[in-house]
Amino acid sequence: QVQLVESGGGLVQPGGSLRLSCEATGIIPELYIMSWYRKAPGMQQREWVATISSSQTKTYADSVKDRFRIFRDNAGKILYLQMTELEFEDTAVYYCHVPAWNTFGQGIQVAVSS
């Protein structure tokens, strides 16, 4: 059974940075496409944020491109989302996702506020 656990969220001022982590059990993360999604307050659907393939190809939503970076640790075991230049609109619960298993983590709150 695949389980995903996110960490690293919190409260940050506009312009600040945070790094989210996703630890996966039940799979070898580096072998899978993995993504980050987020769900902003009042939204019913999760919004796709970024994806990394097993060959390290990275794609980003236009809203976060050039500000966020998705990557794995050197061992390929942990998925990260480095977020910089955070904006009020980035406030959301962020989820790690493995499409092959259609599995999301429990989510981690990121709040951008002055």
PDB file of N, CA and C in Angstrom:
ATOM      1  N   GLN A   1       0.850  -1.187   0.000  1.00  0.00           N
ATOM      2  CA  GLN A   1       0.000   0.000   0.000  1.00  0.00           C
ATOM      3  C   GLN A   1       0.889   1.240   0.000  1.00  0.00           C
ATOM      4  N   VAL A   2       0.542   2.182  -0.864  1.00  0.00           N
ATOM      5  CA  VAL A   2       1.319   3.404  -0.981  1.00  0.00           C
ATOM      6  C   VAL A   2       0.812   4.425   0.025  1.00  0.00           C
ATOM      7  N   GLN A   3       1.734   5.015   0.758  1.00  0.00           N
ATOM      8  CA  GLN A   3       1.376   6.094   1.677  1.00  0.00           C
ATOM      9  C   GLN A   3       2.310   7.266   1.446  1.00  0.00           C
ATOM     10  N   LEU A   4       1.740   8.462   1.468  1.00  0.00           N
ATOM     11  CA  LEU A   4       2.488   9.686   1.250  1.00  0.00           C
ATOM     12  C   LEU A   4       2.285  10.600   2.444  1.00  0.00           C
ATOM     13  N   VAL A   5       3.373  11.144   2.955  1.00  0.00           N
ATOM     14  CA  VAL A   5       3.286  12.034   4.115  1.00  0.00           C
ATOM     15  C   VAL A   5       4.018  13.327   3.800  1.00  0.00           C
ATOM     16  N   GLU A   6       3.272  14.425   3.799  1.00  0.00           N
ATOM     17  CA  GLU A   6       3.855  15.733   3.530  1.00  0.00           C
ATOM     18  C   GLU A   6       4.276  16.410   4.830  1.00  0.00           C
ATOM     19  N   SER A   7       5.270  17.271   4.730  1.00  0.00           N
ATOM     20  CA  SER A   7       5.704  18.068   5.865  1.00  0.00           C
ATOM     21  C   SER A   7       6.324  19.357   5.353  1.00  0.00           C
ATOM     22  N   GLY A   8       6.556  20.296   6.279  1.00  0.00           N
ATOM     23  CA  GLY A   8       7.272  21.514   5.927  1.00  0.00           C
ATOM     24  C   GLY A   8       6.413  22.739   5.712  1.00  0.00           C
ATOM     25  N   GLY A   9       5.119  22.609   5.871  1.00  0.00           N
ATOM     26  CA  GLY A   9       4.255  23.762   5.681  1.00  0.00           C
ATOM     27  C   GLY A   9       4.333  24.726   6.841  1.00  0.00           C
ATOM     28  N   GLY A  10       3.530  25.785   6.757  1.00  0.00           N
ATOM     29  CA  GLY A  10       3.486  26.750   7.833  1.00  0.00           C
ATOM     30  C   GLY A  10       3.031  28.103   7.360  1.00  0.00           C
ATOM     31  N   LEU A  11       3.288  29.100   8.213  1.00  0.00           N
ATOM     32  CA  LEU A  11       2.906  30.479   7.938  1.00  0.00           C
ATOM     33  C   LEU A  11       4.133  31.262   7.490  1.00  0.00           C
ATOM     34  N   VAL A  12       3.989  31.999   6.418  1.00  0.00           N
ATOM     35  CA  VAL A  12       5.113  32.760   5.887  1.00  0.00           C
ATOM     36  C   VAL A  12       4.607  34.092   5.343  1.00  0.00           C
ATOM     37  N   GLN A  13       5.451  35.097   5.373  1.00  0.00           N
ATOM     38  CA  GLN A  13       5.079  36.408   4.841  1.00  0.00           C
ATOM     39  C   GLN A  13       5.216  36.419   3.327  1.00  0.00           C
ATOM     40  N   PRO A  14       4.488  37.293   2.656  1.00  0.00           N
ATOM     41  CA  PRO A  14       4.653  37.426   1.204  1.00  0.00           C
ATOM     42  C   PRO A  14       6.116  37.679   0.853  1.00  0.00           C
ATOM     43  N   GLY A  15       6.569  37.019  -0.186  1.00  0.00           N
ATOM     44  CA  GLY A  15       7.960  37.122  -0.592  1.00  0.00           C
ATOM     45  C   GLY A  15       8.859  36.101   0.060  1.00  0.00           C
ATOM     46  N   GLY A  16       8.348  35.383   1.032  1.00  0.00           N
ATOM     47  CA  GLY A  16       9.133  34.398   1.741  1.00  0.00           C
ATOM     48  C   GLY A  16       9.222  33.070   1.013  1.00  0.00           C
ATOM     49  N   SER A  17       9.878  32.113   1.677  1.00  0.00           N
ATOM     50  CA  SER A  17      10.122  30.803   1.079  1.00  0.00           C
ATOM     51  C   SER A  17       9.747  29.690   2.048  1.00  0.00           C
ATOM     52  N   LEU A  18       9.396  28.559   1.480  1.00  0.00           N
ATOM     53  CA  LEU A  18       9.155  27.342   2.250  1.00  0.00           C
ATOM     54  C   LEU A  18       9.580  26.160   1.394  1.00  0.00           C
ATOM     55  N   ARG A  19       9.959  25.069   2.058  1.00  0.00           N
ATOM     56  CA  ARG A  19      10.246  23.835   1.350  1.00  0.00           C
ATOM     57  C   ARG A  19       9.348  22.747   1.902  1.00  0.00           C
ATOM     58  N   LEU A  20       8.552  22.174   1.034  1.00  0.00           N
ATOM     59  CA  LEU A  20       7.696  21.051   1.401  1.00  0.00           C
ATOM     60  C   LEU A  20       8.410  19.740   1.070  1.00  0.00           C
ATOM     61  N   SER A  21       8.149  18.740   1.890  1.00  0.00           N
ATOM     62  CA  SER A  21       8.701  17.412   1.670  1.00  0.00           C
ATOM     63  C   SER A  21       7.585  16.389   1.584  1.00  0.00           C
ATOM     64  N   CYS A  22       7.835  15.335   0.852  1.00  0.00           N
ATOM     65  CA  CYS A  22       6.881  14.230   0.742  1.00  0.00           C
ATOM     66  C   CYS A  22       7.662  12.928   0.844  1.00  0.00           C
ATOM     67  N   GLU A  23       7.366  12.186   1.888  1.00  0.00           N
ATOM     68  CA  GLU A  23       7.989  10.879   2.052  1.00  0.00           C
ATOM     69  C   GLU A  23       6.990   9.808   1.654  1.00  0.00           C
ATOM     70  N   ALA A  24       7.440   8.877   0.828  1.00  0.00           N
ATOM     71  CA  ALA A  24       6.566   7.828   0.318  1.00  0.00           C
ATOM     72  C   ALA A  24       6.996   6.480   0.864  1.00  0.00           C
ATOM     73  N   THR A  25       6.039   5.684   1.244  1.00  0.00           N
ATOM     74  CA  THR A  25       6.292   4.300   1.605  1.00  0.00           C
ATOM     75  C   THR A  25       5.451   3.402   0.708  1.00  0.00           C
ATOM     76  N   GLY A  26       5.981   2.221   0.455  1.00  0.00           N
ATOM     77  CA  GLY A  26       5.264   1.274  -0.398  1.00  0.00           C
ATOM     78  C   GLY A  26       5.678   1.336  -1.855  1.00  0.00           C
ATOM     79  N   ILE A  27       6.467   2.342  -2.207  1.00  0.00           N
ATOM     80  CA  ILE A  27       6.971   2.450  -3.571  1.00  0.00           C
ATOM     81  C   ILE A  27       8.411   2.951  -3.520  1.00  0.00           C
ATOM     82  N   ILE A  28       9.098   2.825  -4.633  1.00  0.00           N
ATOM     83  CA  ILE A  28      10.406   3.457  -4.792  1.00  0.00           C
ATOM     84  C   ILE A  28      10.157   4.753  -5.546  1.00  0.00           C
ATOM     85  N   PRO A  29      10.145   5.888  -4.855  1.00  0.00           N
ATOM     86  CA  PRO A  29       9.671   7.136  -5.459  1.00  0.00           C
ATOM     87  C   PRO A  29      10.358   7.503  -6.764  1.00  0.00           C
ATOM     88  N   GLU A  30      11.651   7.242  -6.863  1.00  0.00           N
ATOM     89  CA  GLU A  30      12.376   7.689  -8.042  1.00  0.00           C
ATOM     90  C   GLU A  30      11.922   6.974  -9.315  1.00  0.00           C
ATOM     91  N   LEU A  31      11.181   5.908  -9.165  1.00  0.00           N
ATOM     92  CA  LEU A  31      10.709   5.163 -10.331  1.00  0.00           C
ATOM     93  C   LEU A  31       9.390   5.690 -10.879  1.00  0.00           C
ATOM     94  N   TYR A  32       8.791   6.630 -10.171  1.00  0.00           N
ATOM     95  CA  TYR A  32       7.443   7.060 -10.516  1.00  0.00           C
ATOM     96  C   TYR A  32       7.364   8.540 -10.847  1.00  0.00           C
ATOM     97  N   ILE A  33       6.419   8.876 -11.717  1.00  0.00           N
ATOM     98  CA  ILE A  33       6.006  10.261 -11.861  1.00  0.00           C
ATOM     99  C   ILE A  33       5.346  10.673 -10.546  1.00  0.00           C
ATOM    100  N   MET A  34       5.743  11.831 -10.055  1.00  0.00           N
ATOM    101  CA  MET A  34       5.141  12.346  -8.824  1.00  0.00           C
ATOM    102  C   MET A  34       4.809  13.818  -9.020  1.00  0.00           C
ATOM    103  N   SER A  35       3.789  14.255  -8.334  1.00  0.00           N
ATOM    104  CA  SER A  35       3.298  15.621  -8.517  1.00  0.00           C
ATOM    105  C   SER A  35       2.956  16.272  -7.185  1.00  0.00           C
ATOM    106  N   TRP A  36       2.858  17.572  -7.250  1.00  0.00           N
ATOM    107  CA  TRP A  36       2.290  18.367  -6.174  1.00  0.00           C
ATOM    108  C   TRP A  36       0.998  19.007  -6.682  1.00  0.00           C
ATOM    109  N   TYR A  37      -0.002  18.990  -5.837  1.00  0.00           N
ATOM    110  CA  TYR A  37      -1.263  19.670  -6.073  1.00  0.00           C
ATOM    111  C   TYR A  37      -1.533  20.581  -4.882  1.00  0.00           C
ATOM    112  N   ARG A  38      -2.486  21.472  -5.043  1.00  0.00           N
ATOM    113  CA  ARG A  38      -2.895  22.303  -3.923  1.00  0.00           C
ATOM    114  C   ARG A  38      -4.392  22.605  -4.019  1.00  0.00           C
ATOM    115  N   LYS A  39      -4.960  22.891  -2.868  1.00  0.00           N
ATOM    116  CA  LYS A  39      -6.375  23.243  -2.797  1.00  0.00           C
ATOM    117  C   LYS A  39      -6.499  24.500  -1.956  1.00  0.00           C
ATOM    118  N   ALA A  40      -6.862  25.569  -2.629  1.00  0.00           N
ATOM    119  CA  ALA A  40      -6.972  26.861  -1.963  1.00  0.00           C
ATOM    120  C   ALA A  40      -8.293  26.958  -1.199  1.00  0.00           C
ATOM    121  N   PRO A  41      -8.356  27.841  -0.220  1.00  0.00           N
ATOM    122  CA  PRO A  41      -9.599  28.017   0.542  1.00  0.00           C
ATOM    123  C   PRO A  41     -10.759  28.356  -0.381  1.00  0.00           C
ATOM    124  N   GLY A  42     -11.879  27.699  -0.175  1.00  0.00           N
ATOM    125  CA  GLY A  42     -13.064  27.959  -0.969  1.00  0.00           C
ATOM    126  C   GLY A  42     -13.119  27.223  -2.289  1.00  0.00           C
ATOM    127  N   MET A  43     -12.011  26.565  -2.676  1.00  0.00           N
ATOM    128  CA  MET A  43     -11.982  25.835  -3.941  1.00  0.00           C
ATOM    129  C   MET A  43     -12.418  24.395  -3.701  1.00  0.00           C
ATOM    130  N   GLN A  44     -13.144  23.845  -4.658  1.00  0.00           N
ATOM    131  CA  GLN A  44     -13.605  22.468  -4.500  1.00  0.00           C
ATOM    132  C   GLN A  44     -12.623  21.472  -5.079  1.00  0.00           C
ATOM    133  N   GLN A  45     -11.864  21.925  -6.069  1.00  0.00           N
ATOM    134  CA  GLN A  45     -10.948  21.018  -6.748  1.00  0.00           C
ATOM    135  C   GLN A  45      -9.502  21.335  -6.379  1.00  0.00           C
ATOM    136  N   ARG A  46      -8.701  20.306  -6.377  1.00  0.00           N
ATOM    137  CA  ARG A  46      -7.264  20.522  -6.255  1.00  0.00           C
ATOM    138  C   ARG A  46      -6.735  21.096  -7.573  1.00  0.00           C
ATOM    139  N   GLU A  47      -5.712  21.906  -7.458  1.00  0.00           N
ATOM    140  CA  GLU A  47      -5.057  22.509  -8.617  1.00  0.00           C
ATOM    141  C   GLU A  47      -3.676  21.880  -8.767  1.00  0.00           C
ATOM    142  N   TRP A  48      -3.358  21.471  -9.992  1.00  0.00           N
ATOM    143  CA  TRP A  48      -2.041  20.913 -10.240  1.00  0.00           C
ATOM    144  C   TRP A  48      -0.984  22.006 -10.124  1.00  0.00           C
ATOM    145  N   VAL A  49       0.139  21.673  -9.493  1.00  0.00           N
ATOM    146  CA  VAL A  49       1.216  22.633  -9.280  1.00  0.00           C
ATOM    147  C   VAL A  49       2.457  22.266 -10.081  1.00  0.00           C
ATOM    148  N   ALA A  50       2.919  21.037  -9.938  1.00  0.00           N
ATOM    149  CA  ALA A  50       4.165  20.644 -10.590  1.00  0.00           C
ATOM    150  C   ALA A  50       4.261  19.124 -10.651  1.00  0.00           C
ATOM    151  N   THR A  51       5.049  18.650 -11.623  1.00  0.00           N
ATOM    152  CA  THR A  51       5.267  17.213 -11.807  1.00  0.00           C
ATOM    153  C   THR A  51       6.720  16.953 -12.126  1.00  0.00           C
ATOM    154  N   ILE A  52       7.229  15.839 -11.610  1.00  0.00           N
ATOM    155  CA  ILE A  52       8.562  15.375 -11.968  1.00  0.00           C
ATOM    156  C   ILE A  52       8.436  13.929 -12.441  1.00  0.00           C
ATOM    157  N   SER A  53       9.092  13.634 -13.553  1.00  0.00           N
ATOM    158  CA  SER A  53       9.018  12.283 -14.090  1.00  0.00           C
ATOM    159  C   SER A  53      10.146  11.429 -13.524  1.00  0.00           C
ATOM    160  N   SER A  54      10.126  10.147 -13.874  1.00  0.00           N
ATOM    161  CA  SER A  54      11.194   9.247 -13.428  1.00  0.00           C
ATOM    162  C   SER A  54      12.523   9.616 -14.077  1.00  0.00           C
ATOM    163  N   SER A  55      12.480  10.324 -15.188  1.00  0.00           N
ATOM    164  CA  SER A  55      13.710  10.779 -15.845  1.00  0.00           C
ATOM    165  C   SER A  55      14.059  12.213 -15.467  1.00  0.00           C
ATOM    166  N   GLN A  56      13.388  12.730 -14.429  1.00  0.00           N
ATOM    167  CA  GLN A  56      13.682  14.062 -13.872  1.00  0.00           C
ATOM    168  C   GLN A  56      13.162  15.220 -14.725  1.00  0.00           C
ATOM    169  N   THR A  57      12.316  14.937 -15.697  1.00  0.00           N
ATOM    170  CA  THR A  57      11.672  16.025 -16.437  1.00  0.00           C
ATOM    171  C   THR A  57      10.677  16.720 -15.518  1.00  0.00           C
ATOM    172  N   LYS A  58      10.718  18.046 -15.523  1.00  0.00           N
ATOM    173  CA  LYS A  58       9.891  18.821 -14.599  1.00  0.00           C
ATOM    174  C   LYS A  58       8.964  19.738 -15.372  1.00  0.00           C
ATOM    175  N   THR A  59       7.720  19.807 -14.929  1.00  0.00           N
ATOM    176  CA  THR A  59       6.756  20.726 -15.522  1.00  0.00           C
ATOM    177  C   THR A  59       6.038  21.460 -14.399  1.00  0.00           C
ATOM    178  N   TYR A  60       5.621  22.694 -14.712  1.00  0.00           N
ATOM    179  CA  TYR A  60       5.040  23.567 -13.704  1.00  0.00           C
ATOM    180  C   TYR A  60       3.792  24.259 -14.225  1.00  0.00           C
ATOM    181  N   ALA A  61       2.872  24.539 -13.316  1.00  0.00           N
ATOM    182  CA  ALA A  61       1.750  25.398 -13.652  1.00  0.00           C
ATOM    183  C   ALA A  61       2.281  26.808 -13.899  1.00  0.00           C
ATOM    184  N   ASP A  62       1.641  27.525 -14.783  1.00  0.00           N
ATOM    185  CA  ASP A  62       2.099  28.880 -15.103  1.00  0.00           C
ATOM    186  C   ASP A  62       2.143  29.771 -13.865  1.00  0.00           C
ATOM    187  N   SER A  63       1.231  29.534 -12.939  1.00  0.00           N
ATOM    188  CA  SER A  63       1.133  30.402 -11.760  1.00  0.00           C
ATOM    189  C   SER A  63       2.325  30.272 -10.818  1.00  0.00           C
ATOM    190  N   VAL A  64       3.081  29.181 -10.946  1.00  0.00           N
ATOM    191  CA  VAL A  64       4.206  28.971 -10.027  1.00  0.00           C
ATOM    192  C   VAL A  64       5.540  28.875 -10.749  1.00  0.00           C
ATOM    193  N   LYS A  65       5.481  28.837 -12.063  1.00  0.00           N
ATOM    194  CA  LYS A  65       6.714  28.696 -12.836  1.00  0.00           C
ATOM    195  C   LYS A  65       7.682  29.809 -12.486  1.00  0.00           C
ATOM    196  N   ASP A  66       8.926  29.494 -12.371  1.00  0.00           N
ATOM    197  CA  ASP A  66      10.010  30.419 -12.018  1.00  0.00           C
ATOM    198  C   ASP A  66      10.035  30.790 -10.547  1.00  0.00           C
ATOM    199  N   ARG A  67       9.046  30.332  -9.775  1.00  0.00           N
ATOM    200  CA  ARG A  67       9.063  30.576  -8.331  1.00  0.00           C
ATOM    201  C   ARG A  67       9.191  29.288  -7.532  1.00  0.00           C
ATOM    202  N   PHE A  68       8.643  28.200  -8.057  1.00  0.00           N
ATOM    203  CA  PHE A  68       8.664  26.913  -7.364  1.00  0.00           C
ATOM    204  C   PHE A  68       9.606  25.956  -8.098  1.00  0.00           C
ATOM    205  N   ARG A  69      10.148  25.012  -7.336  1.00  0.00           N
ATOM    206  CA  ARG A  69      11.010  23.996  -7.942  1.00  0.00           C
ATOM    207  C   ARG A  69      10.686  22.643  -7.336  1.00  0.00           C
ATOM    208  N   ILE A  70      10.419  21.670  -8.190  1.00  0.00           N
ATOM    209  CA  ILE A  70      10.153  20.305  -7.742  1.00  0.00           C
ATOM    210  C   ILE A  70      11.416  19.490  -7.963  1.00  0.00           C
ATOM    211  N   PHE A  71      11.779  18.690  -6.961  1.00  0.00           N
ATOM    212  CA  PHE A  71      12.976  17.869  -7.117  1.00  0.00           C
ATOM    213  C   PHE A  71      12.942  16.752  -6.085  1.00  0.00           C
ATOM    214  N   ARG A  72      13.820  15.783  -6.293  1.00  0.00           N
ATOM    215  CA  ARG A  72      13.969  14.677  -5.342  1.00  0.00           C
ATOM    216  C   ARG A  72      15.328  14.803  -4.675  1.00  0.00           C
ATOM    217  N   ASP A  73      15.475  14.159  -3.524  1.00  0.00           N
ATOM    218  CA  ASP A  73      16.793  14.131  -2.895  1.00  0.00           C
ATOM    219  C   ASP A  73      17.696  13.215  -3.716  1.00  0.00           C
ATOM    220  N   ASN A  74      18.975  13.220  -3.383  1.00  0.00           N
ATOM    221  CA  ASN A  74      19.950  12.475  -4.181  1.00  0.00           C
ATOM    222  C   ASN A  74      19.662  10.978  -4.234  1.00  0.00           C
ATOM    223  N   ALA A  75      19.053  10.477  -3.190  1.00  0.00           N
ATOM    224  CA  ALA A  75      18.721   9.049  -3.160  1.00  0.00           C
ATOM    225  C   ALA A  75      17.407   8.756  -3.864  1.00  0.00           C
ATOM    226  N   GLY A  76      16.696   9.817  -4.288  1.00  0.00           N
ATOM    227  CA  GLY A  76      15.428   9.623  -4.982  1.00  0.00           C
ATOM    228  C   GLY A  76      14.303   9.160  -4.092  1.00  0.00           C
ATOM    229  N   LYS A  77      14.462   9.346  -2.772  1.00  0.00           N
ATOM    230  CA  LYS A  77      13.478   8.809  -1.841  1.00  0.00           C
ATOM    231  C   LYS A  77      12.458   9.829  -1.385  1.00  0.00           C
ATOM    232  N   ILE A  78      12.836  11.102  -1.390  1.00  0.00           N
ATOM    233  CA  ILE A  78      11.962  12.151  -0.881  1.00  0.00           C
ATOM    234  C   ILE A  78      11.690  13.155  -1.997  1.00  0.00           C
ATOM    235  N   LEU A  79      10.451  13.531  -2.119  1.00  0.00           N
ATOM    236  CA  LEU A  79      10.053  14.543  -3.089  1.00  0.00           C
ATOM    237  C   LEU A  79       9.957  15.885  -2.375  1.00  0.00           C
ATOM    238  N   TYR A  80      10.448  16.921  -3.026  1.00  0.00           N
ATOM    239  CA  TYR A  80      10.426  18.259  -2.450  1.00  0.00           C
ATOM    240  C   TYR A  80       9.687  19.233  -3.367  1.00  0.00           C
ATOM    241  N   LEU A  81       9.211  20.288  -2.749  1.00  0.00           N
ATOM    242  CA  LEU A  81       8.719  21.447  -3.492  1.00  0.00           C
ATOM    243  C   LEU A  81       9.303  22.673  -2.814  1.00  0.00           C
ATOM    244  N   GLN A  82      10.284  23.277  -3.477  1.00  0.00           N
ATOM    245  CA  GLN A  82      10.883  24.503  -2.973  1.00  0.00           C
ATOM    246  C   GLN A  82      10.063  25.670  -3.500  1.00  0.00           C
ATOM    247  N   MET A  83       9.519  26.441  -2.589  1.00  0.00           N
ATOM    248  CA  MET A  83       8.644  27.545  -2.962  1.00  0.00           C
ATOM    249  C   MET A  83       9.305  28.857  -2.560  1.00  0.00           C
ATOM    250  N   THR A  84       9.462  29.750  -3.498  1.00  0.00           N
ATOM    251  CA  THR A  84      10.048  31.052  -3.234  1.00  0.00           C
ATOM    252  C   THR A  84       9.094  32.147  -3.723  1.00  0.00           C
ATOM    253  N   GLU A  85       9.388  33.363  -3.307  1.00  0.00           N
ATOM    254  CA  GLU A  85       8.562  34.523  -3.704  1.00  0.00           C
ATOM    255  C   GLU A  85       7.079  34.232  -3.493  1.00  0.00           C
ATOM    256  N   LEU A  86       6.765  33.702  -2.332  1.00  0.00           N
ATOM    257  CA  LEU A  86       5.388  33.289  -2.069  1.00  0.00           C
ATOM    258  C   LEU A  86       4.440  34.482  -2.075  1.00  0.00           C
ATOM    259  N   GLU A  87       3.263  34.225  -2.586  1.00  0.00           N
ATOM    260  CA  GLU A  87       2.223  35.235  -2.721  1.00  0.00           C
ATOM    261  C   GLU A  87       0.985  34.810  -1.936  1.00  0.00           C
ATOM    262  N   PHE A  88       0.124  35.785  -1.646  1.00  0.00           N
ATOM    263  CA  PHE A  88      -1.107  35.472  -0.917  1.00  0.00           C
ATOM    264  C   PHE A  88      -1.865  34.329  -1.614  1.00  0.00           C
ATOM    265  N   GLU A  89      -1.837  34.347  -2.948  1.00  0.00           N
ATOM    266  CA  GLU A  89      -2.586  33.360  -3.723  1.00  0.00           C
ATOM    267  C   GLU A  89      -2.019  31.951  -3.611  1.00  0.00           C
ATOM    268  N   ASP A  90      -0.851  31.815  -3.023  1.00  0.00           N
ATOM    269  CA  ASP A  90      -0.272  30.479  -2.827  1.00  0.00           C
ATOM    270  C   ASP A  90      -0.810  29.799  -1.574  1.00  0.00           C
ATOM    271  N   THR A  91      -1.582  30.509  -0.791  1.00  0.00           N
ATOM    272  CA  THR A  91      -2.180  29.915   0.397  1.00  0.00           C
ATOM    273  C   THR A  91      -3.080  28.754   0.006  1.00  0.00           C
ATOM    274  N   ALA A  92      -2.806  27.591   0.560  1.00  0.00           N
ATOM    275  CA  ALA A  92      -3.546  26.385   0.180  1.00  0.00           C
ATOM    276  C   ALA A  92      -3.065  25.213   1.029  1.00  0.00           C
ATOM    277  N   VAL A  93      -3.792  24.128   0.930  1.00  0.00           N
ATOM    278  CA  VAL A  93      -3.296  22.841   1.425  1.00  0.00           C
ATOM    279  C   VAL A  93      -2.609  22.163   0.251  1.00  0.00           C
ATOM    280  N   TYR A  94      -1.371  21.762   0.459  1.00  0.00           N
ATOM    281  CA  TYR A  94      -0.561  21.168  -0.599  1.00  0.00           C
ATOM    282  C   TYR A  94      -0.513  19.663  -0.420  1.00  0.00           C
ATOM    283  N   TYR A  95      -0.655  18.962  -1.545  1.00  0.00           N
ATOM    284  CA  TYR A  95      -0.722  17.511  -1.534  1.00  0.00           C
ATOM    285  C   TYR A  95       0.331  16.925  -2.463  1.00  0.00           C
ATOM    286  N   CYS A  96       0.932  15.860  -2.013  1.00  0.00           N
ATOM    287  CA  CYS A  96       1.805  15.037  -2.832  1.00  0.00           C
ATOM    288  C   CYS A  96       0.938  13.986  -3.529  1.00  0.00           C
ATOM    289  N   HIS A  97       1.300  13.616  -4.765  1.00  0.00           N
ATOM    290  CA  HIS A  97       0.454  12.708  -5.538  1.00  0.00           C
ATOM    291  C   HIS A  97       1.289  11.769  -6.386  1.00  0.00           C
ATOM    292  N   VAL A  98       0.868  10.519  -6.414  1.00  0.00           N
ATOM    293  CA  VAL A  98       1.473   9.531  -7.312  1.00  0.00           C
ATOM    294  C   VAL A  98       0.373   9.075  -8.267  1.00  0.00           C
ATOM    295  N   PRO A  99       0.384   9.540  -9.503  1.00  0.00           N
ATOM    296  CA  PRO A  99      -0.689   9.204 -10.438  1.00  0.00           C
ATOM    297  C   PRO A  99      -0.863   7.711 -10.669  1.00  0.00           C
ATOM    298  N   ALA A 100       0.255   6.985 -10.733  1.00  0.00           N
ATOM    299  CA  ALA A 100       0.155   5.553 -11.028  1.00  0.00           C
ATOM    300  C   ALA A 100      -0.661   4.804  -9.987  1.00  0.00           C
ATOM    301  N   TRP A 101      -0.670   5.327  -8.761  1.00  0.00           N
ATOM    302  CA  TRP A 101      -1.419   4.701  -7.683  1.00  0.00           C
ATOM    303  C   TRP A 101      -2.660   5.514  -7.310  1.00  0.00           C
ATOM    304  N   ASN A 102      -2.864   6.628  -8.012  1.00  0.00           N
ATOM    305  CA  ASN A 102      -3.991   7.528  -7.710  1.00  0.00           C
ATOM    306  C   ASN A 102      -4.065   7.809  -6.213  1.00  0.00           C
ATOM    307  N   THR A 103      -2.922   8.127  -5.649  1.00  0.00           N
ATOM    308  CA  THR A 103      -2.833   8.328  -4.197  1.00  0.00           C
ATOM    309  C   THR A 103      -2.374   9.739  -3.893  1.00  0.00           C
ATOM    310  N   PHE A 104      -3.063  10.367  -2.945  1.00  0.00           N
ATOM    311  CA  PHE A 104      -2.675  11.670  -2.417  1.00  0.00           C
ATOM    312  C   PHE A 104      -2.265  11.500  -0.959  1.00  0.00           C
ATOM    313  N   GLY A 105      -1.389  12.375  -0.506  1.00  0.00           N
ATOM    314  CA  GLY A 105      -1.091  12.447   0.910  1.00  0.00           C
ATOM    315  C   GLY A 105      -2.216  13.135   1.652  1.00  0.00           C
ATOM    316  N   GLN A 106      -2.015  13.329   2.949  1.00  0.00           N
ATOM    317  CA  GLN A 106      -3.056  13.944   3.770  1.00  0.00           C
ATOM    318  C   GLN A 106      -3.075  15.465   3.608  1.00  0.00           C
ATOM    319  N   GLY A 107      -2.029  16.004   3.040  1.00  0.00           N
ATOM    320  CA  GLY A 107      -1.959  17.434   2.798  1.00  0.00           C
ATOM    321  C   GLY A 107      -1.250  18.179   3.910  1.00  0.00           C
ATOM    322  N   ILE A 108      -0.675  19.337   3.542  1.00  0.00           N
ATOM    323  CA  ILE A 108       0.023  20.183   4.503  1.00  0.00           C
ATOM    324  C   ILE A 108      -0.356  21.629   4.207  1.00  0.00           C
ATOM    325  N   GLN A 109      -0.645  22.373   5.261  1.00  0.00           N
ATOM    326  CA  GLN A 109      -1.128  23.734   5.104  1.00  0.00           C
ATOM    327  C   GLN A 109       0.031  24.701   4.869  1.00  0.00           C
ATOM    328  N   VAL A 110      -0.154  25.565   3.877  1.00  0.00           N
ATOM    329  CA  VAL A 110       0.750  26.693   3.639  1.00  0.00           C
ATOM    330  C   VAL A 110      -0.105  27.952   3.669  1.00  0.00           C
ATOM    331  N   ALA A 111       0.275  28.878   4.521  1.00  0.00           N
ATOM    332  CA  ALA A 111      -0.456  30.134   4.638  1.00  0.00           C
ATOM    333  C   ALA A 111       0.502  31.295   4.406  1.00  0.00           C
ATOM    334  N   VAL A 112       0.146  32.140   3.473  1.00  0.00           N
ATOM    335  CA  VAL A 112       0.949  33.319   3.173  1.00  0.00           C
ATOM    336  C   VAL A 112       0.176  34.540   3.666  1.00  0.00           C
ATOM    337  N   SER A 113       0.739  35.194   4.657  1.00  0.00           N
ATOM    338  CA  SER A 113       0.021  36.309   5.278  1.00  0.00           C
ATOM    339  C   SER A 113       0.999  37.293   5.879  1.00  0.00           C
ATOM    340  N   SER A 114       0.628  38.569   5.849  1.00  0.00           N
ATOM    341  CA  SER A 114       1.460  39.590   6.482  1.00  0.00           C
ATOM    342  C   SER A 114       0.943  39.885   7.879  1.00  0.00           C
TER     343      SER A 114
END
